[in-house]
Amino acid sequence: FNHTYTMFTESGMPVRAKVNLTFKSLISPDDTRRKSPFE
């Protein structure tokens, strides 16, 4: 997560920002089994 503030009011309050996000999926152990497992 990183964010950059790009606009401020005269008092210095940030009012615009760009946020970059990276998520990693959550998978249960059962879901990780391959459709074609080793024989």
PDB file of all heavy atoms in Angstrom:
ATOM      1  N   PHE A   1       0.849  -1.188   0.000  1.00  0.00           N
ATOM      2  CA  PHE A   1       0.000   0.000   0.000  1.00  0.00           C
ATOM      3  C   PHE A   1       0.888   1.241   0.000  1.00  0.00           C
ATOM      4  O   PHE A   1       1.756   1.384   0.858  1.00  0.00           O
ATOM      5  CB  PHE A   1      -0.909   0.005   1.242  1.00  0.00           C
ATOM      6  CG  PHE A   1      -1.595   1.322   1.490  1.00  0.00           C
ATOM      7  CD1 PHE A   1      -2.709   1.685   0.755  1.00  0.00           C
ATOM      8  CD2 PHE A   1      -1.127   2.192   2.458  1.00  0.00           C
ATOM      9  CE1 PHE A   1      -3.338   2.900   0.986  1.00  0.00           C
ATOM     10  CE2 PHE A   1      -1.752   3.410   2.702  1.00  0.00           C
ATOM     11  CZ  PHE A   1      -2.859   3.758   1.961  1.00  0.00           C
ATOM     12  N   ASN A   2       0.732   2.078  -0.995  1.00  0.00           N
ATOM     13  CA  ASN A   2       1.410   3.380  -0.937  1.00  0.00           C
ATOM     14  C   ASN A   2       0.472   4.441  -1.473  1.00  0.00           C
ATOM     15  O   ASN A   2      -0.367   4.172  -2.341  1.00  0.00           O
ATOM     16  CB  ASN A   2       2.756   3.351  -1.684  1.00  0.00           C
ATOM     17  CG  ASN A   2       2.605   3.252  -3.176  1.00  0.00           C
ATOM     18  OD1 ASN A   2       2.171   4.189  -3.837  1.00  0.00           O
ATOM     19  ND2 ASN A   2       2.972   2.094  -3.735  1.00  0.00           N
ATOM     20  N   HIS A   3       0.583   5.610  -0.934  1.00  0.00           N
ATOM     21  CA  HIS A   3      -0.319   6.682  -1.316  1.00  0.00           C
ATOM     22  C   HIS A   3       0.460   7.982  -1.462  1.00  0.00           C
ATOM     23  O   HIS A   3       1.412   8.247  -0.726  1.00  0.00           O
ATOM     24  CB  HIS A   3      -1.444   6.841  -0.291  1.00  0.00           C
ATOM     25  CG  HIS A   3      -0.992   6.965   1.122  1.00  0.00           C
ATOM     26  ND1 HIS A   3      -0.388   5.940   1.811  1.00  0.00           N
ATOM     27  CD2 HIS A   3      -1.051   8.006   1.991  1.00  0.00           C
ATOM     28  CE1 HIS A   3      -0.102   6.335   3.034  1.00  0.00           C
ATOM     29  NE2 HIS A   3      -0.485   7.587   3.168  1.00  0.00           N
ATOM     30  N   THR A   4       0.029   8.770  -2.434  1.00  0.00           N
ATOM     31  CA  THR A   4       0.655  10.056  -2.721  1.00  0.00           C
ATOM     32  C   THR A   4      -0.422  11.132  -2.675  1.00  0.00           C
ATOM     33  O   THR A   4      -1.437  11.027  -3.368  1.00  0.00           O
ATOM     34  CB  THR A   4       1.316  10.049  -4.108  1.00  0.00           C
ATOM     35  OG1 THR A   4       2.269   8.977  -4.179  1.00  0.00           O
ATOM     36  CG2 THR A   4       2.028  11.364  -4.378  1.00  0.00           C
ATOM     37  N   TYR A   5      -0.200  12.151  -1.851  1.00  0.00           N
ATOM     38  CA  TYR A   5      -1.141  13.263  -1.777  1.00  0.00           C
ATOM     39  C   TYR A   5      -0.775  14.292  -2.838  1.00  0.00           C
ATOM     40  O   TYR A   5       0.387  14.701  -2.963  1.00  0.00           O
ATOM     41  CB  TYR A   5      -1.117  13.882  -0.378  1.00  0.00           C
ATOM     42  CG  TYR A   5      -1.578  12.922   0.700  1.00  0.00           C
ATOM     43  CD1 TYR A   5      -0.679  12.351   1.588  1.00  0.00           C
ATOM     44  CD2 TYR A   5      -2.913  12.554   0.794  1.00  0.00           C
ATOM     45  CE1 TYR A   5      -1.105  11.450   2.556  1.00  0.00           C
ATOM     46  CE2 TYR A   5      -3.351  11.655   1.756  1.00  0.00           C
ATOM     47  CZ  TYR A   5      -2.436  11.107   2.632  1.00  0.00           C
ATOM     48  OH  TYR A   5      -2.852  10.214   3.587  1.00  0.00           O
ATOM     49  N   THR A   6      -1.770  14.698  -3.616  1.00  0.00           N
ATOM     50  CA  THR A   6      -1.497  15.544  -4.774  1.00  0.00           C
ATOM     51  C   THR A   6      -2.155  16.922  -4.720  1.00  0.00           C
ATOM     52  O   THR A   6      -1.892  17.760  -5.577  1.00  0.00           O
ATOM     53  CB  THR A   6      -1.975  14.836  -6.056  1.00  0.00           C
ATOM     54  OG1 THR A   6      -3.388  14.565  -5.963  1.00  0.00           O
ATOM     55  CG2 THR A   6      -1.234  13.508  -6.244  1.00  0.00           C
ATOM     56  N   MET A   7      -3.023  17.166  -3.726  1.00  0.00           N
ATOM     57  CA  MET A   7      -3.670  18.472  -3.631  1.00  0.00           C
ATOM     58  C   MET A   7      -3.985  18.777  -2.173  1.00  0.00           C
ATOM     59  O   MET A   7      -4.356  17.880  -1.407  1.00  0.00           O
ATOM     60  CB  MET A   7      -4.949  18.510  -4.469  1.00  0.00           C
ATOM     61  CG  MET A   7      -5.637  19.860  -4.499  1.00  0.00           C
ATOM     62  SD  MET A   7      -7.061  19.881  -5.624  1.00  0.00           S
ATOM     63  CE  MET A   7      -7.688  21.538  -5.339  1.00  0.00           C
ATOM     64  N   PHE A   8      -3.838  20.060  -1.808  1.00  0.00           N
ATOM     65  CA  PHE A   8      -4.037  20.477  -0.418  1.00  0.00           C
ATOM     66  C   PHE A   8      -4.827  21.786  -0.387  1.00  0.00           C
ATOM     67  O   PHE A   8      -4.807  22.574  -1.333  1.00  0.00           O
ATOM     68  CB  PHE A   8      -2.686  20.694   0.275  1.00  0.00           C
ATOM     69  CG  PHE A   8      -1.751  19.523   0.162  1.00  0.00           C
ATOM     70  CD1 PHE A   8      -0.952  19.353  -0.965  1.00  0.00           C
ATOM     71  CD2 PHE A   8      -1.678  18.580   1.180  1.00  0.00           C
ATOM     72  CE1 PHE A   8      -0.102  18.269  -1.077  1.00  0.00           C
ATOM     73  CE2 PHE A   8      -0.827  17.490   1.079  1.00  0.00           C
ATOM     74  CZ  PHE A   8      -0.039  17.331  -0.057  1.00  0.00           C
ATOM     75  N   THR A   9      -5.513  22.012   0.715  1.00  0.00           N
ATOM     76  CA  THR A   9      -6.176  23.297   0.929  1.00  0.00           C
ATOM     77  C   THR A   9      -5.135  24.306   1.416  1.00  0.00           C
ATOM     78  O   THR A   9      -3.975  23.962   1.671  1.00  0.00           O
ATOM     79  CB  THR A   9      -7.297  23.166   1.977  1.00  0.00           C
ATOM     80  OG1 THR A   9      -6.712  22.782   3.236  1.00  0.00           O
ATOM     81  CG2 THR A   9      -8.321  22.123   1.554  1.00  0.00           C
ATOM     82  N   GLU A  10      -5.539  25.539   1.572  1.00  0.00           N
ATOM     83  CA  GLU A  10      -4.618  26.580   2.043  1.00  0.00           C
ATOM     84  C   GLU A  10      -4.071  26.269   3.426  1.00  0.00           C
ATOM     85  O   GLU A  10      -2.954  26.669   3.782  1.00  0.00           O
ATOM     86  CB  GLU A  10      -5.321  27.947   2.043  1.00  0.00           C
ATOM     87  CG  GLU A  10      -5.654  28.462   0.651  1.00  0.00           C
ATOM     88  CD  GLU A  10      -6.315  29.833   0.700  1.00  0.00           C
ATOM     89  OE1 GLU A  10      -6.570  30.321   1.832  1.00  0.00           O
ATOM     90  OE2 GLU A  10      -6.576  30.410  -0.376  1.00  0.00           O
ATOM     91  N   SER A  11      -4.833  25.534   4.211  1.00  0.00           N
ATOM     92  CA  SER A  11      -4.386  25.178   5.557  1.00  0.00           C
ATOM     93  C   SER A  11      -3.465  23.960   5.571  1.00  0.00           C
ATOM     94  O   SER A  11      -2.966  23.572   6.630  1.00  0.00           O
ATOM     95  CB  SER A  11      -5.599  24.913   6.453  1.00  0.00           C
ATOM     96  OG  SER A  11      -6.322  23.779   5.975  1.00  0.00           O
ATOM     97  N   GLY A  12      -3.264  23.339   4.403  1.00  0.00           N
ATOM     98  CA  GLY A  12      -2.390  22.169   4.332  1.00  0.00           C
ATOM     99  C   GLY A  12      -3.116  20.839   4.434  1.00  0.00           C
ATOM    100  O   GLY A  12      -2.479  19.786   4.453  1.00  0.00           O
ATOM    101  N   MET A  13      -4.420  20.845   4.484  1.00  0.00           N
ATOM    102  CA  MET A  13      -5.182  19.602   4.585  1.00  0.00           C
ATOM    103  C   MET A  13      -5.181  18.889   3.227  1.00  0.00           C
ATOM    104  O   MET A  13      -5.527  19.490   2.208  1.00  0.00           O
ATOM    105  CB  MET A  13      -6.619  19.890   5.017  1.00  0.00           C
ATOM    106  CG  MET A  13      -7.490  18.628   5.148  1.00  0.00           C
ATOM    107  SD  MET A  13      -9.168  19.007   5.735  1.00  0.00           S
ATOM    108  CE  MET A  13      -9.844  19.906   4.326  1.00  0.00           C
ATOM    109  N   PRO A  14      -4.786  17.618   3.178  1.00  0.00           N
ATOM    110  CA  PRO A  14      -4.799  16.894   1.902  1.00  0.00           C
ATOM    111  C   PRO A  14      -6.232  16.581   1.464  1.00  0.00           C
ATOM    112  O   PRO A  14      -7.052  16.134   2.266  1.00  0.00           O
ATOM    113  CB  PRO A  14      -4.025  15.620   2.212  1.00  0.00           C
ATOM    114  CG  PRO A  14      -4.195  15.415   3.680  1.00  0.00           C
ATOM    115  CD  PRO A  14      -4.260  16.782   4.279  1.00  0.00           C
ATOM    116  N   VAL A  15      -6.518  16.825   0.179  1.00  0.00           N
ATOM    117  CA  VAL A  15      -7.868  16.596  -0.330  1.00  0.00           C
ATOM    118  C   VAL A  15      -7.876  15.717  -1.586  1.00  0.00           C
ATOM    119  O   VAL A  15      -8.953  15.329  -2.054  1.00  0.00           O
ATOM    120  CB  VAL A  15      -8.591  17.927  -0.634  1.00  0.00           C
ATOM    121  CG1 VAL A  15      -8.931  18.652   0.650  1.00  0.00           C
ATOM    122  CG2 VAL A  15      -7.746  18.805  -1.553  1.00  0.00           C
ATOM    123  N   ARG A  16      -6.706  15.393  -2.101  1.00  0.00           N
ATOM    124  CA  ARG A  16      -6.625  14.462  -3.230  1.00  0.00           C
ATOM    125  C   ARG A  16      -5.451  13.524  -3.015  1.00  0.00           C
ATOM    126  O   ARG A  16      -4.407  13.927  -2.506  1.00  0.00           O
ATOM    127  CB  ARG A  16      -6.455  15.203  -4.559  1.00  0.00           C
ATOM    128  CG  ARG A  16      -7.718  15.812  -5.099  1.00  0.00           C
ATOM    129  CD  ARG A  16      -7.511  16.494  -6.437  1.00  0.00           C
ATOM    130  NE  ARG A  16      -8.741  17.173  -6.862  1.00  0.00           N
ATOM    131  CZ  ARG A  16      -8.788  18.053  -7.853  1.00  0.00           C
ATOM    132  NH1 ARG A  16      -7.684  18.352  -8.543  1.00  0.00           N
ATOM    133  NH2 ARG A  16      -9.932  18.623  -8.182  1.00  0.00           N
ATOM    134  N   ALA A  17      -5.643  12.277  -3.431  1.00  0.00           N
ATOM    135  CA  ALA A  17      -4.580  11.292  -3.243  1.00  0.00           C
ATOM    136  C   ALA A  17      -4.677  10.207  -4.302  1.00  0.00           C
ATOM    137  O   ALA A  17      -5.760   9.897  -4.803  1.00  0.00           O
ATOM    138  CB  ALA A  17      -4.658  10.671  -1.855  1.00  0.00           C
ATOM    139  N   LYS A  18      -3.521   9.639  -4.623  1.00  0.00           N
ATOM    140  CA  LYS A  18      -3.453   8.471  -5.491  1.00  0.00           C
ATOM    141  C   LYS A  18      -2.971   7.303  -4.654  1.00  0.00           C
ATOM    142  O   LYS A  18      -1.949   7.397  -3.972  1.00  0.00           O
ATOM    143  CB  LYS A  18      -2.499   8.709  -6.669  1.00  0.00           C
ATOM    144  CG  LYS A  18      -2.404   7.524  -7.613  1.00  0.00           C
ATOM    145  CD  LYS A  18      -1.432   7.797  -8.759  1.00  0.00           C
ATOM    146  CE  LYS A  18      -1.335   6.594  -9.684  1.00  0.00           C
ATOM    147  NZ  LYS A  18      -0.368   6.827 -10.793  1.00  0.00           N
ATOM    148  N   VAL A  19      -3.708   6.212  -4.680  1.00  0.00           N
ATOM    149  CA  VAL A  19      -3.398   5.050  -3.852  1.00  0.00           C
ATOM    150  C   VAL A  19      -3.086   3.857  -4.754  1.00  0.00           C
ATOM    151  O   VAL A  19      -3.869   3.538  -5.651  1.00  0.00           O
ATOM    152  CB  VAL A  19      -4.592   4.706  -2.928  1.00  0.00           C
ATOM    153  CG1 VAL A  19      -4.347   3.389  -2.201  1.00  0.00           C
ATOM    154  CG2 VAL A  19      -4.823   5.827  -1.936  1.00  0.00           C
ATOM    155  N   ASN A  20      -1.930   3.231  -4.520  1.00  0.00           N
ATOM    156  CA  ASN A  20      -1.560   2.006  -5.229  1.00  0.00           C
ATOM    157  C   ASN A  20      -1.698   0.835  -4.269  1.00  0.00           C
ATOM    158  O   ASN A  20      -1.134   0.859  -3.171  1.00  0.00           O
ATOM    159  CB  ASN A  20      -0.128   2.089  -5.749  1.00  0.00           C
ATOM    160  CG  ASN A  20       0.051   3.180  -6.790  1.00  0.00           C
ATOM    161  OD1 ASN A  20      -0.763   3.326  -7.694  1.00  0.00           O
ATOM    162  ND2 ASN A  20       1.101   3.964  -6.664  1.00  0.00           N
ATOM    163  N   LEU A  21      -2.434  -0.181  -4.697  1.00  0.00           N
ATOM    164  CA  LEU A  21      -2.719  -1.327  -3.832  1.00  0.00           C
ATOM    165  C   LEU A  21      -2.331  -2.632  -4.510  1.00  0.00           C
ATOM    166  O   LEU A  21      -2.494  -2.792  -5.721  1.00  0.00           O
ATOM    167  CB  LEU A  21      -4.216  -1.388  -3.514  1.00  0.00           C
ATOM    168  CG  LEU A  21      -4.788  -0.374  -2.527  1.00  0.00           C
ATOM    169  CD1 LEU A  21      -6.303  -0.417  -2.578  1.00  0.00           C
ATOM    170  CD2 LEU A  21      -4.300  -0.662  -1.132  1.00  0.00           C
ATOM    171  N   THR A  22      -1.822  -3.562  -3.703  1.00  0.00           N
ATOM    172  CA  THR A  22      -1.581  -4.928  -4.165  1.00  0.00           C
ATOM    173  C   THR A  22      -2.232  -5.879  -3.175  1.00  0.00           C
ATOM    174  O   THR A  22      -1.999  -5.778  -1.973  1.00  0.00           O
ATOM    175  CB  THR A  22      -0.079  -5.245  -4.269  1.00  0.00           C
ATOM    176  OG1 THR A  22       0.534  -4.345  -5.192  1.00  0.00           O
ATOM    177  CG2 THR A  22       0.132  -6.677  -4.749  1.00  0.00           C
ATOM    178  N   PHE A  23      -3.080  -6.759  -3.686  1.00  0.00           N
ATOM    179  CA  PHE A  23      -3.754  -7.757  -2.863  1.00  0.00           C
ATOM    180  C   PHE A  23      -3.199  -9.137  -3.214  1.00  0.00           C
ATOM    181  O   PHE A  23      -2.783  -9.387  -4.346  1.00  0.00           O
ATOM    182  CB  PHE A  23      -5.262  -7.789  -3.140  1.00  0.00           C
ATOM    183  CG  PHE A  23      -5.968  -6.485  -2.968  1.00  0.00           C
ATOM    184  CD1 PHE A  23      -5.952  -5.519  -3.964  1.00  0.00           C
ATOM    185  CD2 PHE A  23      -6.679  -6.214  -1.809  1.00  0.00           C
ATOM    186  CE1 PHE A  23      -6.624  -4.319  -3.818  1.00  0.00           C
ATOM    187  CE2 PHE A  23      -7.356  -5.019  -1.649  1.00  0.00           C
ATOM    188  CZ  PHE A  23      -7.327  -4.068  -2.654  1.00  0.00           C
ATOM    189  N   LYS A  24      -3.245 -10.044  -2.261  1.00  0.00           N
ATOM    190  CA  LYS A  24      -2.919 -11.445  -2.504  1.00  0.00           C
ATOM    191  C   LYS A  24      -4.137 -12.265  -2.118  1.00  0.00           C
ATOM    192  O   LYS A  24      -4.689 -12.098  -1.035  1.00  0.00           O
ATOM    193  CB  LYS A  24      -1.689 -11.866  -1.713  1.00  0.00           C
ATOM    194  CG  LYS A  24      -1.188 -13.260  -2.044  1.00  0.00           C
ATOM    195  CD  LYS A  24       0.261 -13.465  -1.625  1.00  0.00           C
ATOM    196  CE  LYS A  24       1.222 -12.745  -2.544  1.00  0.00           C
ATOM    197  NZ  LYS A  24       2.634 -13.123  -2.293  1.00  0.00           N
ATOM    198  N   SER A  25      -4.556 -13.138  -3.020  1.00  0.00           N
ATOM    199  CA  SER A  25      -5.793 -13.882  -2.802  1.00  0.00           C
ATOM    200  C   SER A  25      -5.661 -14.874  -1.658  1.00  0.00           C
ATOM    201  O   SER A  25      -4.575 -15.371  -1.361  1.00  0.00           O
ATOM    202  CB  SER A  25      -6.210 -14.620  -4.080  1.00  0.00           C
ATOM    203  OG  SER A  25      -5.253 -15.626  -4.394  1.00  0.00           O
ATOM    204  N   LEU A  26      -6.779 -15.169  -1.028  1.00  0.00           N
ATOM    205  CA  LEU A  26      -6.857 -16.166   0.027  1.00  0.00           C
ATOM    206  C   LEU A  26      -7.542 -17.402  -0.530  1.00  0.00           C
ATOM    207  O   LEU A  26      -8.657 -17.334  -1.037  1.00  0.00           O
ATOM    208  CB  LEU A  26      -7.663 -15.628   1.219  1.00  0.00           C
ATOM    209  CG  LEU A  26      -7.020 -14.467   1.985  1.00  0.00           C
ATOM    210  CD1 LEU A  26      -7.987 -13.968   3.046  1.00  0.00           C
ATOM    211  CD2 LEU A  26      -5.724 -14.903   2.630  1.00  0.00           C
ATOM    212  N   ILE A  27      -6.867 -18.547  -0.449  1.00  0.00           N
ATOM    213  CA  ILE A  27      -7.395 -19.790  -0.986  1.00  0.00           C
ATOM    214  C   ILE A  27      -7.310 -20.842   0.096  1.00  0.00           C
ATOM    215  O   ILE A  27      -6.281 -20.995   0.760  1.00  0.00           O
ATOM    216  CB  ILE A  27      -6.597 -20.250  -2.218  1.00  0.00           C
ATOM    217  CG1 ILE A  27      -6.536 -19.128  -3.257  1.00  0.00           C
ATOM    218  CG2 ILE A  27      -7.202 -21.501  -2.824  1.00  0.00           C
ATOM    219  CD1 ILE A  27      -5.652 -19.446  -4.438  1.00  0.00           C
ATOM    220  N   SER A  28      -8.380 -21.582   0.276  1.00  0.00           N
ATOM    221  CA  SER A  28      -8.373 -22.657   1.263  1.00  0.00           C
ATOM    222  C   SER A  28      -7.536 -23.817   0.741  1.00  0.00           C
ATOM    223  O   SER A  28      -7.351 -23.972  -0.470  1.00  0.00           O
ATOM    224  CB  SER A  28      -9.801 -23.142   1.534  1.00  0.00           C
ATOM    225  OG  SER A  28     -10.311 -23.798   0.388  1.00  0.00           O
ATOM    226  N   PRO A  29      -7.004 -24.674   1.632  1.00  0.00           N
ATOM    227  CA  PRO A  29      -6.204 -25.816   1.180  1.00  0.00           C
ATOM    228  C   PRO A  29      -6.929 -26.702   0.178  1.00  0.00           C
ATOM    229  O   PRO A  29      -6.328 -27.224  -0.755  1.00  0.00           O
ATOM    230  CB  PRO A  29      -5.914 -26.572   2.487  1.00  0.00           C
ATOM    231  CG  PRO A  29      -5.948 -25.515   3.542  1.00  0.00           C
ATOM    232  CD  PRO A  29      -7.028 -24.561   3.097  1.00  0.00           C
ATOM    233  N   ASP A  30      -8.242 -26.861   0.343  1.00  0.00           N
ATOM    234  CA  ASP A  30      -8.998 -27.698  -0.586  1.00  0.00           C
ATOM    235  C   ASP A  30      -9.020 -27.094  -1.989  1.00  0.00           C
ATOM    236  O   ASP A  30      -9.015 -27.808  -2.996  1.00  0.00           O
ATOM    237  CB  ASP A  30     -10.439 -27.890  -0.095  1.00  0.00           C
ATOM    238  CG  ASP A  30     -10.500 -28.786   1.141  1.00  0.00           C
ATOM    239  OD1 ASP A  30      -9.537 -29.541   1.361  1.00  0.00           O
ATOM    240  OD2 ASP A  30     -11.509 -28.714   1.864  1.00  0.00           O
ATOM    241  N   ASP A  31      -9.044 -25.752  -2.060  1.00  0.00           N
ATOM    242  CA  ASP A  31      -9.107 -25.088  -3.355  1.00  0.00           C
ATOM    243  C   ASP A  31      -7.796 -25.171  -4.111  1.00  0.00           C
ATOM    244  O   ASP A  31      -7.755 -24.942  -5.321  1.00  0.00           O
ATOM    245  CB  ASP A  31      -9.493 -23.617  -3.187  1.00  0.00           C
ATOM    246  CG  ASP A  31     -10.911 -23.446  -2.689  1.00  0.00           C
ATOM    247  OD1 ASP A  31     -11.713 -24.369  -2.909  1.00  0.00           O
ATOM    248  OD2 ASP A  31     -11.210 -22.411  -2.075  1.00  0.00           O
ATOM    249  N   THR A  32      -6.699 -25.456  -3.403  1.00  0.00           N
ATOM    250  CA  THR A  32      -5.395 -25.478  -4.052  1.00  0.00           C
ATOM    251  C   THR A  32      -5.116 -26.796  -4.758  1.00  0.00           C
ATOM    252  O   THR A  32      -4.120 -26.928  -5.462  1.00  0.00           O
ATOM    253  CB  THR A  32      -4.271 -25.233  -3.029  1.00  0.00           C
ATOM    254  OG1 THR A  32      -4.299 -26.269  -2.032  1.00  0.00           O
ATOM    255  CG2 THR A  32      -4.457 -23.884  -2.351  1.00  0.00           C
ATOM    256  N   ARG A  33      -5.973 -27.789  -4.555  1.00  0.00           N
ATOM    257  CA  ARG A  33      -5.757 -29.063  -5.227  1.00  0.00           C
ATOM    258  C   ARG A  33      -5.949 -28.901  -6.731  1.00  0.00           C
ATOM    259  O   ARG A  33      -6.893 -28.276  -7.183  1.00  0.00           O
ATOM    260  CB  ARG A  33      -6.734 -30.110  -4.691  1.00  0.00           C
ATOM    261  CG  ARG A  33      -6.495 -30.456  -3.226  1.00  0.00           C
ATOM    262  CD  ARG A  33      -7.567 -31.382  -2.696  1.00  0.00           C
ATOM    263  NE  ARG A  33      -7.370 -31.661  -1.287  1.00  0.00           N
ATOM    264  CZ  ARG A  33      -8.254 -32.281  -0.526  1.00  0.00           C
ATOM    265  NH1 ARG A  33      -9.399 -32.688  -1.048  1.00  0.00           N
ATOM    266  NH2 ARG A  33      -8.007 -32.488   0.752  1.00  0.00           N
ATOM    267  N   ARG A  34      -5.061 -29.455  -7.482  1.00  0.00           N
ATOM    268  CA  ARG A  34      -5.119 -29.367  -8.936  1.00  0.00           C
ATOM    269  C   ARG A  34      -6.274 -30.206  -9.492  1.00  0.00           C
ATOM    270  O   ARG A  34      -6.629 -31.254  -8.929  1.00  0.00           O
ATOM    271  CB  ARG A  34      -3.800 -29.846  -9.539  1.00  0.00           C
ATOM    272  CG  ARG A  34      -2.609 -28.995  -9.107  1.00  0.00           C
ATOM    273  CD  ARG A  34      -2.687 -27.636  -9.737  1.00  0.00           C
ATOM    274  NE  ARG A  34      -1.655 -26.750  -9.211  1.00  0.00           N
ATOM    275  CZ  ARG A  34      -1.497 -25.502  -9.598  1.00  0.00           C
ATOM    276  NH1 ARG A  34      -2.309 -24.992 -10.502  1.00  0.00           N
ATOM    277  NH2 ARG A  34      -0.541 -24.758  -9.085  1.00  0.00           N
ATOM    278  N   LYS A  35      -6.859 -29.732 -10.585  1.00  0.00           N
ATOM    279  CA  LYS A  35      -7.932 -30.496 -11.219  1.00  0.00           C
ATOM    280  C   LYS A  35      -7.403 -31.821 -11.752  1.00  0.00           C
ATOM    281  O   LYS A  35      -8.149 -32.782 -11.886  1.00  0.00           O
ATOM    282  CB  LYS A  35      -8.540 -29.666 -12.364  1.00  0.00           C
ATOM    283  CG  LYS A  35      -9.316 -28.454 -11.878  1.00  0.00           C
ATOM    284  CD  LYS A  35      -9.948 -27.719 -13.038  1.00  0.00           C
ATOM    285  CE  LYS A  35     -10.740 -26.519 -12.559  1.00  0.00           C
ATOM    286  NZ  LYS A  35     -11.353 -25.772 -13.695  1.00  0.00           N
ATOM    287  N   SER A  36      -6.129 -31.858 -12.112  1.00  0.00           N
ATOM    288  CA  SER A  36      -5.518 -33.097 -12.597  1.00  0.00           C
ATOM    289  C   SER A  36      -4.350 -33.450 -11.698  1.00  0.00           C
ATOM    290  O   SER A  36      -3.190 -33.227 -12.042  1.00  0.00           O
ATOM    291  CB  SER A  36      -5.033 -32.921 -14.045  1.00  0.00           C
ATOM    292  OG  SER A  36      -6.108 -32.624 -14.898  1.00  0.00           O
ATOM    293  N   PRO A  37      -4.595 -34.014 -10.510  1.00  0.00           N
ATOM    294  CA  PRO A  37      -3.527 -34.328  -9.568  1.00  0.00           C
ATOM    295  C   PRO A  37      -2.704 -35.503 -10.066  1.00  0.00           C
ATOM    296  O   PRO A  37      -3.083 -36.198 -11.002  1.00  0.00           O
ATOM    297  CB  PRO A  37      -4.285 -34.685  -8.275  1.00  0.00           C
ATOM    298  CG  PRO A  37      -5.590 -35.216  -8.779  1.00  0.00           C
ATOM    299  CD  PRO A  37      -5.921 -34.407 -10.013  1.00  0.00           C
ATOM    300  N   PHE A  38      -1.549 -35.707  -9.391  1.00  0.00           N
ATOM    301  CA  PHE A  38      -0.727 -36.864  -9.743  1.00  0.00           C
ATOM    302  C   PHE A  38      -1.549 -38.137  -9.585  1.00  0.00           C
ATOM    303  O   PHE A  38      -2.326 -38.296  -8.644  1.00  0.00           O
ATOM    304  CB  PHE A  38       0.491 -36.941  -8.821  1.00  0.00           C
ATOM    305  CG  PHE A  38       1.458 -35.815  -9.008  1.00  0.00           C
ATOM    306  CD1 PHE A  38       1.746 -34.954  -7.955  1.00  0.00           C
ATOM    307  CD2 PHE A  38       2.079 -35.612 -10.223  1.00  0.00           C
ATOM    308  CE1 PHE A  38       2.641 -33.916  -8.133  1.00  0.00           C
ATOM    309  CE2 PHE A  38       2.978 -34.578 -10.402  1.00  0.00           C
ATOM    310  CZ  PHE A  38       3.263 -33.720  -9.357  1.00  0.00           C
ATOM    311  N   GLU A  39      -1.366 -39.036 -10.520  1.00  0.00           N
ATOM    312  CA  GLU A  39      -2.041 -40.332 -10.418  1.00  0.00           C
ATOM    313  C   GLU A  39      -1.548 -41.032  -9.158  1.00  0.00           C
ATOM    314  O   GLU A  39      -0.384 -40.930  -8.790  1.00  0.00           O
ATOM    315  CB  GLU A  39      -1.722 -41.184 -11.651  1.00  0.00           C
ATOM    316  CG  GLU A  39      -2.549 -42.440 -11.750  1.00  0.00           C
ATOM    317  CD  GLU A  39      -2.277 -43.181 -13.046  1.00  0.00           C
ATOM    318  OE1 GLU A  39      -1.788 -42.554 -13.995  1.00  0.00           O
ATOM    319  OE2 GLU A  39      -2.537 -44.393 -13.074  1.00  0.00           O
TER     320      GLU A  39
END
